[in-house]
Amino acid sequence: MAERTVGFSRADDVGVIRLNRPRTRNAIDPGLAELPALLRRSPGASLGDQLQAESAALARTAATRDAAHGIASFMARTRPSFDGE
């Protein structure tokens, strides 16, 4: 398979990744919402600053209902259904 660059918005369309989309059409996955800011700041940030920012983002997203539901679904070996909350 030839290597090619695929934008994030098309990645699941070409089978690179599989996104578990929220049931609510306009819901934004809190975890994915954190990524753009983390990626934008990373080139100019020190490793310590970047790790601190990622740790804070993880703490914010781990406190969501979707995170709790995802962990419970994983433990129960069931398919999760995310709402973007």
PDB file of N, CA and C in Angstrom:
ATOM      1  N   MET A   1       0.843  -1.181   0.000  1.00  0.00           N
ATOM      2  CA  MET A   1       0.000   0.000   0.000  1.00  0.00           C
ATOM      3  C   MET A   1       0.885   1.241   0.000  1.00  0.00           C
ATOM      4  N   ALA A   2       0.607   2.151  -0.888  1.00  0.00           N
ATOM      5  CA  ALA A   2       1.398   3.373  -0.986  1.00  0.00           C
ATOM      6  C   ALA A   2       1.068   4.306   0.170  1.00  0.00           C
ATOM      7  N   GLU A   3       2.103   4.963   0.681  1.00  0.00           N
ATOM      8  CA  GLU A   3       1.906   5.904   1.774  1.00  0.00           C
ATOM      9  C   GLU A   3       1.381   7.208   1.212  1.00  0.00           C
ATOM     10  N   ARG A   4       0.407   7.794   1.899  1.00  0.00           N
ATOM     11  CA  ARG A   4      -0.115   9.097   1.497  1.00  0.00           C
ATOM     12  C   ARG A   4      -0.594   9.848   2.714  1.00  0.00           C
ATOM     13  N   THR A   5      -0.666  11.164   2.589  1.00  0.00           N
ATOM     14  CA  THR A   5      -1.124  11.996   3.679  1.00  0.00           C
ATOM     15  C   THR A   5      -2.635  12.139   3.582  1.00  0.00           C
ATOM     16  N   VAL A   6      -3.292  11.940   4.710  1.00  0.00           N
ATOM     17  CA  VAL A   6      -4.747  12.029   4.754  1.00  0.00           C
ATOM     18  C   VAL A   6      -5.124  12.967   5.890  1.00  0.00           C
ATOM     19  N   GLY A   7      -5.952  13.956   5.599  1.00  0.00           N
ATOM     20  CA  GLY A   7      -6.414  14.862   6.641  1.00  0.00           C
ATOM     21  C   GLY A   7      -7.292  14.142   7.645  1.00  0.00           C
ATOM     22  N   PHE A   8      -7.324  14.651   8.869  1.00  0.00           N
ATOM     23  CA  PHE A   8      -8.078  14.016   9.935  1.00  0.00           C
ATOM     24  C   PHE A   8      -9.540  13.823   9.563  1.00  0.00           C
ATOM     25  N   SER A   9     -10.149  14.834   8.920  1.00  0.00           N
ATOM     26  CA  SER A   9     -11.571  14.750   8.593  1.00  0.00           C
ATOM     27  C   SER A   9     -11.879  13.643   7.590  1.00  0.00           C
ATOM     28  N   ARG A  10     -10.886  13.200   6.836  1.00  0.00           N
ATOM     29  CA  ARG A  10     -11.103  12.130   5.857  1.00  0.00           C
ATOM     30  C   ARG A  10     -10.549  10.789   6.316  1.00  0.00           C
ATOM     31  N   ALA A  11      -9.869  10.760   7.418  1.00  0.00           N
ATOM     32  CA  ALA A  11      -9.165   9.548   7.833  1.00  0.00           C
ATOM     33  C   ALA A  11     -10.097   8.355   8.009  1.00  0.00           C
ATOM     34  N   ASP A  12     -11.262   8.562   8.618  1.00  0.00           N
ATOM     35  CA  ASP A  12     -12.144   7.418   8.801  1.00  0.00           C
ATOM     36  C   ASP A  12     -12.792   6.996   7.493  1.00  0.00           C
ATOM     37  N   ASP A  13     -12.920   7.915   6.520  1.00  0.00           N
ATOM     38  CA  ASP A  13     -13.485   7.566   5.214  1.00  0.00           C
ATOM     39  C   ASP A  13     -12.590   6.613   4.429  1.00  0.00           C
ATOM     40  N   VAL A  14     -11.297   6.718   4.608  1.00  0.00           N
ATOM     41  CA  VAL A  14     -10.374   5.865   3.851  1.00  0.00           C
ATOM     42  C   VAL A  14      -9.868   4.697   4.683  1.00  0.00           C
ATOM     43  N   GLY A  15     -10.400   4.528   5.885  1.00  0.00           N
ATOM     44  CA  GLY A  15     -10.061   3.368   6.698  1.00  0.00           C
ATOM     45  C   GLY A  15      -8.786   3.485   7.498  1.00  0.00           C
ATOM     46  N   VAL A  16      -8.227   4.692   7.628  1.00  0.00           N
ATOM     47  CA  VAL A  16      -7.015   4.869   8.419  1.00  0.00           C
ATOM     48  C   VAL A  16      -7.355   4.727   9.899  1.00  0.00           C
ATOM     49  N   ILE A  17      -8.436   5.386  10.298  1.00  0.00           N
ATOM     50  CA  ILE A  17      -8.921   5.267  11.670  1.00  0.00           C
ATOM     51  C   ILE A  17     -10.426   5.117  11.629  1.00  0.00           C
ATOM     52  N   ARG A  18     -10.974   4.676  12.698  1.00  0.00           N
ATOM     53  CA  ARG A  18     -12.426   4.550  12.802  1.00  0.00           C
ATOM     54  C   ARG A  18     -12.890   5.451  13.929  1.00  0.00           C
ATOM     55  N   LEU A  19     -13.664   6.471  13.604  1.00  0.00           N
ATOM     56  CA  LEU A  19     -14.157   7.393  14.618  1.00  0.00           C
ATOM     57  C   LEU A  19     -15.475   6.882  15.174  1.00  0.00           C
ATOM     58  N   ASN A  20     -15.629   6.954  16.478  1.00  0.00           N
ATOM     59  CA  ASN A  20     -16.891   6.616  17.112  1.00  0.00           C
ATOM     60  C   ASN A  20     -17.640   7.931  17.287  1.00  0.00           C
ATOM     61  N   ARG A  21     -18.477   8.244  16.348  1.00  0.00           N
ATOM     62  CA  ARG A  21     -19.139   9.545  16.328  1.00  0.00           C
ATOM     63  C   ARG A  21     -20.252   9.626  17.376  1.00  0.00           C
ATOM     64  N   PRO A  22     -20.447  10.805  17.968  1.00  0.00           N
ATOM     65  CA  PRO A  22     -21.528  10.978  18.943  1.00  0.00           C
ATOM     66  C   PRO A  22     -22.891  10.808  18.285  1.00  0.00           C
ATOM     67  N   ARG A  23     -23.875  10.361  19.063  1.00  0.00           N
ATOM     68  CA  ARG A  23     -25.236  10.231  18.529  1.00  0.00           C
ATOM     69  C   ARG A  23     -25.793  11.590  18.148  1.00  0.00           C
ATOM     70  N   THR A  24     -25.495  12.607  18.930  1.00  0.00           N
ATOM     71  CA  THR A  24     -25.990  13.941  18.654  1.00  0.00           C
ATOM     72  C   THR A  24     -25.172  14.543  17.517  1.00  0.00           C
ATOM     73  N   ARG A  25     -25.839  14.940  16.465  1.00  0.00           N
ATOM     74  CA  ARG A  25     -25.148  15.394  15.263  1.00  0.00           C
ATOM     75  C   ARG A  25     -24.216  16.580  15.520  1.00  0.00           C
ATOM     76  N   ASN A  26     -24.619  17.519  16.371  1.00  0.00           N
ATOM     77  CA  ASN A  26     -23.811  18.714  16.603  1.00  0.00           C
ATOM     78  C   ASN A  26     -22.904  18.596  17.823  1.00  0.00           C
ATOM     79  N   ALA A  27     -22.882  17.431  18.440  1.00  0.00           N
ATOM     80  CA  ALA A  27     -22.040  17.251  19.621  1.00  0.00           C
ATOM     81  C   ALA A  27     -20.573  17.223  19.209  1.00  0.00           C
ATOM     82  N   ILE A  28     -19.739  17.791  20.031  1.00  0.00           N
ATOM     83  CA  ILE A  28     -18.300  17.771  19.805  1.00  0.00           C
ATOM     84  C   ILE A  28     -17.691  16.886  20.870  1.00  0.00           C
ATOM     85  N   ASP A  29     -16.917  15.921  20.453  1.00  0.00           N
ATOM     86  CA  ASP A  29     -16.238  15.048  21.397  1.00  0.00           C
ATOM     87  C   ASP A  29     -15.272  15.910  22.203  1.00  0.00           C
ATOM     88  N   PRO A  30     -15.452  15.979  23.520  1.00  0.00           N
ATOM     89  CA  PRO A  30     -14.569  16.833  24.327  1.00  0.00           C
ATOM     90  C   PRO A  30     -13.086  16.481  24.172  1.00  0.00           C
ATOM     91  N   GLY A  31     -12.776  15.214  24.031  1.00  0.00           N
ATOM     92  CA  GLY A  31     -11.384  14.807  23.847  1.00  0.00           C
ATOM     93  C   GLY A  31     -10.810  15.307  22.537  1.00  0.00           C
ATOM     94  N   LEU A  32     -11.582  15.185  21.472  1.00  0.00           N
ATOM     95  CA  LEU A  32     -11.121  15.665  20.166  1.00  0.00           C
ATOM     96  C   LEU A  32     -11.067  17.183  20.117  1.00  0.00           C
ATOM     97  N   ALA A  33     -11.925  17.836  20.870  1.00  0.00           N
ATOM     98  CA  ALA A  33     -11.936  19.300  20.886  1.00  0.00           C
ATOM     99  C   ALA A  33     -10.637  19.859  21.478  1.00  0.00           C
ATOM    100  N   GLU A  34      -9.984  19.101  22.325  1.00  0.00           N
ATOM    101  CA  GLU A  34      -8.727  19.541  22.946  1.00  0.00           C
ATOM    102  C   GLU A  34      -7.543  19.448  21.978  1.00  0.00           C
ATOM    103  N   LEU A  35      -7.613  18.544  21.012  1.00  0.00           N
ATOM    104  CA  LEU A  35      -6.461  18.271  20.151  1.00  0.00           C
ATOM    105  C   LEU A  35      -5.929  19.457  19.351  1.00  0.00           C
ATOM    106  N   PRO A  36      -6.776  20.233  18.672  1.00  0.00           N
ATOM    107  CA  PRO A  36      -6.218  21.327  17.862  1.00  0.00           C
ATOM    108  C   PRO A  36      -5.344  22.304  18.652  1.00  0.00           C
ATOM    109  N   ALA A  37      -5.802  22.688  19.842  1.00  0.00           N
ATOM    110  CA  ALA A  37      -5.017  23.625  20.647  1.00  0.00           C
ATOM    111  C   ALA A  37      -3.700  22.987  21.086  1.00  0.00           C
ATOM    112  N   LEU A  38      -3.746  21.715  21.470  1.00  0.00           N
ATOM    113  CA  LEU A  38      -2.516  21.032  21.886  1.00  0.00           C
ATOM    114  C   LEU A  38      -1.527  20.926  20.721  1.00  0.00           C
ATOM    115  N   LEU A  39      -2.033  20.625  19.548  1.00  0.00           N
ATOM    116  CA  LEU A  39      -1.155  20.505  18.374  1.00  0.00           C
ATOM    117  C   LEU A  39      -0.572  21.849  17.965  1.00  0.00           C
ATOM    118  N   ARG A  40      -1.393  22.924  18.034  1.00  0.00           N
ATOM    119  CA  ARG A  40      -0.903  24.261  17.662  1.00  0.00           C
ATOM    120  C   ARG A  40       0.206  24.736  18.584  1.00  0.00           C
ATOM    121  N   ARG A  41       0.098  24.449  19.865  1.00  0.00           N
ATOM    122  CA  ARG A  41       1.087  24.946  20.815  1.00  0.00           C
ATOM    123  C   ARG A  41       2.342  24.095  20.874  1.00  0.00           C
ATOM    124  N   SER A  42       2.290  22.854  20.417  1.00  0.00           N
ATOM    125  CA  SER A  42       3.397  21.925  20.622  1.00  0.00           C
ATOM    126  C   SER A  42       4.724  22.326  19.978  1.00  0.00           C
ATOM    127  N   PRO A  43       4.769  22.893  18.754  1.00  0.00           N
ATOM    128  CA  PRO A  43       6.083  23.204  18.178  1.00  0.00           C
ATOM    129  C   PRO A  43       6.904  24.205  18.997  1.00  0.00           C
ATOM    130  N   GLY A  44       6.230  25.147  19.671  1.00  0.00           N
ATOM    131  CA  GLY A  44       6.959  26.162  20.416  1.00  0.00           C
ATOM    132  C   GLY A  44       7.045  25.895  21.906  1.00  0.00           C
ATOM    133  N   ALA A  45       6.450  24.807  22.358  1.00  0.00           N
ATOM    134  CA  ALA A  45       6.419  24.526  23.800  1.00  0.00           C
ATOM    135  C   ALA A  45       7.566  23.614  24.200  1.00  0.00           C
ATOM    136  N   SER A  46       8.033  23.792  25.409  1.00  0.00           N
ATOM    137  CA  SER A  46       9.030  22.853  25.933  1.00  0.00           C
ATOM    138  C   SER A  46       8.323  21.533  26.229  1.00  0.00           C
ATOM    139  N   LEU A  47       9.097  20.483  26.368  1.00  0.00           N
ATOM    140  CA  LEU A  47       8.502  19.178  26.656  1.00  0.00           C
ATOM    141  C   LEU A  47       7.706  19.232  27.959  1.00  0.00           C
ATOM    142  N   GLY A  48       8.256  19.850  28.972  1.00  0.00           N
ATOM    143  CA  GLY A  48       7.557  19.954  30.252  1.00  0.00           C
ATOM    144  C   GLY A  48       6.248  20.711  30.150  1.00  0.00           C
ATOM    145  N   ASP A  49       6.268  21.842  29.421  1.00  0.00           N
ATOM    146  CA  ASP A  49       5.047  22.631  29.248  1.00  0.00           C
ATOM    147  C   ASP A  49       3.998  21.848  28.458  1.00  0.00           C
ATOM    148  N   GLN A  50       4.443  21.150  27.414  1.00  0.00           N
ATOM    149  CA  GLN A  50       3.498  20.381  26.603  1.00  0.00           C
ATOM    150  C   GLN A  50       2.890  19.232  27.408  1.00  0.00           C
ATOM    151  N   LEU A  51       3.704  18.545  28.179  1.00  0.00           N
ATOM    152  CA  LEU A  51       3.187  17.451  28.999  1.00  0.00           C
ATOM    153  C   LEU A  51       2.209  17.973  30.052  1.00  0.00           C
ATOM    154  N   GLN A  52       2.489  19.145  30.585  1.00  0.00           N
ATOM    155  CA  GLN A  52       1.585  19.752  31.566  1.00  0.00           C
ATOM    156  C   GLN A  52       0.244  20.108  30.904  1.00  0.00           C
ATOM    157  N   ALA A  53       0.290  20.669  29.687  1.00  0.00           N
ATOM    158  CA  ALA A  53      -0.930  21.019  28.967  1.00  0.00           C
ATOM    159  C   ALA A  53      -1.734  19.765  28.618  1.00  0.00           C
ATOM    160  N   GLU A  54      -1.041  18.696  28.209  1.00  0.00           N
ATOM    161  CA  GLU A  54      -1.728  17.451  27.881  1.00  0.00           C
ATOM    162  C   GLU A  54      -2.336  16.811  29.121  1.00  0.00           C
ATOM    163  N   SER A  55      -1.640  16.913  30.241  1.00  0.00           N
ATOM    164  CA  SER A  55      -2.157  16.383  31.499  1.00  0.00           C
ATOM    165  C   SER A  55      -3.428  17.130  31.920  1.00  0.00           C
ATOM    166  N   ALA A  56      -3.420  18.443  31.773  1.00  0.00           N
ATOM    167  CA  ALA A  56      -4.605  19.248  32.113  1.00  0.00           C
ATOM    168  C   ALA A  56      -5.770  18.910  31.183  1.00  0.00           C
ATOM    169  N   ALA A  57      -5.487  18.724  29.895  1.00  0.00           N
ATOM    170  CA  ALA A  57      -6.538  18.357  28.937  1.00  0.00           C
ATOM    171  C   ALA A  57      -7.118  16.987  29.281  1.00  0.00           C
ATOM    172  N   LEU A  58      -6.258  16.062  29.640  1.00  0.00           N
ATOM    173  CA  LEU A  58      -6.716  14.727  30.026  1.00  0.00           C
ATOM    174  C   LEU A  58      -7.602  14.803  31.267  1.00  0.00           C
ATOM    175  N   ALA A  59      -7.216  15.616  32.240  1.00  0.00           N
ATOM    176  CA  ALA A  59      -8.020  15.766  33.459  1.00  0.00           C
ATOM    177  C   ALA A  59      -9.394  16.345  33.132  1.00  0.00           C
ATOM    178  N   ARG A  60      -9.443  17.316  32.211  1.00  0.00           N
ATOM    179  CA  ARG A  60     -10.736  17.903  31.827  1.00  0.00           C
ATOM    180  C   ARG A  60     -11.610  16.884  31.110  1.00  0.00           C
ATOM    181  N   THR A  61     -11.054  16.138  30.196  1.00  0.00           N
ATOM    182  CA  THR A  61     -11.859  15.199  29.415  1.00  0.00           C
ATOM    183  C   THR A  61     -12.201  13.940  30.199  1.00  0.00           C
ATOM    184  N   ALA A  62     -11.367  13.558  31.149  1.00  0.00           N
ATOM    185  CA  ALA A  62     -11.652  12.369  31.962  1.00  0.00           C
ATOM    186  C   ALA A  62     -12.831  12.600  32.892  1.00  0.00           C
ATOM    187  N   ALA A  63     -13.176  13.847  33.130  1.00  0.00           N
ATOM    188  CA  ALA A  63     -14.280  14.173  34.020  1.00  0.00           C
ATOM    189  C   ALA A  63     -15.637  14.203  33.313  1.00  0.00           C
ATOM    190  N   THR A  64     -15.677  13.865  32.025  1.00  0.00           N
ATOM    191  CA  THR A  64     -16.931  13.917  31.269  1.00  0.00           C
ATOM    192  C   THR A  64     -17.733  12.627  31.436  1.00  0.00           C
ATOM    193  N   ARG A  65     -19.025  12.724  31.154  1.00  0.00           N
ATOM    194  CA  ARG A  65     -19.881  11.526  31.187  1.00  0.00           C
ATOM    195  C   ARG A  65     -19.456  10.527  30.127  1.00  0.00           C
ATOM    196  N   ASP A  66     -19.044  11.026  28.963  1.00  0.00           N
ATOM    197  CA  ASP A  66     -18.595  10.119  27.899  1.00  0.00           C
ATOM    198  C   ASP A  66     -17.399   9.290  28.346  1.00  0.00           C
ATOM    199  N   ALA A  67     -16.481   9.904  29.081  1.00  0.00           N
ATOM    200  CA  ALA A  67     -15.303   9.172  29.556  1.00  0.00           C
ATOM    201  C   ALA A  67     -15.721   8.058  30.510  1.00  0.00           C
ATOM    202  N   ALA A  68     -16.593   8.380  31.460  1.00  0.00           N
ATOM    203  CA  ALA A  68     -17.067   7.369  32.408  1.00  0.00           C
ATOM    204  C   ALA A  68     -17.800   6.251  31.684  1.00  0.00           C
ATOM    205  N   HIS A  69     -18.628   6.624  30.719  1.00  0.00           N
ATOM    206  CA  HIS A  69     -19.373   5.626  29.954  1.00  0.00           C
ATOM    207  C   HIS A  69     -18.430   4.761  29.113  1.00  0.00           C
ATOM    208  N   GLY A  70     -17.431   5.392  28.511  1.00  0.00           N
ATOM    209  CA  GLY A  70     -16.471   4.644  27.702  1.00  0.00           C
ATOM    210  C   GLY A  70     -15.697   3.631  28.527  1.00  0.00           C
ATOM    211  N   ILE A  71     -15.275   4.026  29.720  1.00  0.00           N
ATOM    212  CA  ILE A  71     -14.542   3.104  30.599  1.00  0.00           C
ATOM    213  C   ILE A  71     -15.455   1.970  31.053  1.00  0.00           C
ATOM    214  N   ALA A  72     -16.690   2.307  31.441  1.00  0.00           N
ATOM    215  CA  ALA A  72     -17.640   1.272  31.874  1.00  0.00           C
ATOM    216  C   ALA A  72     -17.942   0.307  30.730  1.00  0.00           C
ATOM    217  N   SER A  73     -18.098   0.828  29.520  1.00  0.00           N
ATOM    218  CA  SER A  73     -18.360  -0.024  28.359  1.00  0.00           C
ATOM    219  C   SER A  73     -17.175  -0.938  28.069  1.00  0.00           C
ATOM    220  N   PHE A  74     -15.970  -0.406  28.198  1.00  0.00           N
ATOM    221  CA  PHE A  74     -14.767  -1.210  27.983  1.00  0.00           C
ATOM    222  C   PHE A  74     -14.710  -2.354  28.997  1.00  0.00           C
ATOM    223  N   MET A  75     -14.948  -2.024  30.247  1.00  0.00           N
ATOM    224  CA  MET A  75     -14.894  -3.044  31.303  1.00  0.00           C
ATOM    225  C   MET A  75     -15.976  -4.105  31.112  1.00  0.00           C
ATOM    226  N   ALA A  76     -17.154  -3.694  30.625  1.00  0.00           N
ATOM    227  CA  ALA A  76     -18.260  -4.627  30.415  1.00  0.00           C
ATOM    228  C   ALA A  76     -18.183  -5.310  29.049  1.00  0.00           C
ATOM    229  N   ARG A  77     -17.189  -4.905  28.253  1.00  0.00           N
ATOM    230  CA  ARG A  77     -17.019  -5.438  26.900  1.00  0.00           C
ATOM    231  C   ARG A  77     -18.267  -5.231  26.040  1.00  0.00           C
ATOM    232  N   THR A  78     -18.824  -4.024  26.160  1.00  0.00           N
ATOM    233  CA  THR A  78     -19.967  -3.642  25.338  1.00  0.00           C
ATOM    234  C   THR A  78     -19.579  -2.450  24.468  1.00  0.00           C
ATOM    235  N   ARG A  79     -20.354  -2.203  23.453  1.00  0.00           N
ATOM    236  CA  ARG A  79     -20.074  -1.099  22.540  1.00  0.00           C
ATOM    237  C   ARG A  79     -20.603   0.212  23.156  1.00  0.00           C
ATOM    238  N   PRO A  80     -19.746   1.221  23.286  1.00  0.00           N
ATOM    239  CA  PRO A  80     -20.198   2.489  23.873  1.00  0.00           C
ATOM    240  C   PRO A  80     -21.006   3.311  22.878  1.00  0.00           C
ATOM    241  N   SER A  81     -21.785   4.211  23.398  1.00  0.00           N
ATOM    242  CA  SER A  81     -22.544   5.166  22.596  1.00  0.00           C
ATOM    243  C   SER A  81     -22.322   6.523  23.227  1.00  0.00           C
ATOM    244  N   PHE A  82     -21.593   7.404  22.546  1.00  0.00           N
ATOM    245  CA  PHE A  82     -21.201   8.692  23.105  1.00  0.00           C
ATOM    246  C   PHE A  82     -22.154   9.805  22.711  1.00  0.00           C
ATOM    247  N   ASP A  83     -22.368  10.730  23.655  1.00  0.00           N
ATOM    248  CA  ASP A  83     -23.245  11.876  23.425  1.00  0.00           C
ATOM    249  C   ASP A  83     -22.484  13.179  23.230  1.00  0.00           C
ATOM    250  N   GLY A  84     -21.202  13.186  23.481  1.00  0.00           N
ATOM    251  CA  GLY A  84     -20.430  14.421  23.385  1.00  0.00           C
ATOM    252  C   GLY A  84     -20.503  15.230  24.658  1.00  0.00           C
ATOM    253  N   GLU A  85     -20.783  14.582  25.777  1.00  0.00           N
ATOM    254  CA  GLU A  85     -20.899  15.272  27.072  1.00  0.00           C
ATOM    255  C   GLU A  85     -19.930  14.707  28.069  1.00  0.00           C
TER     256      GLU A  85
END
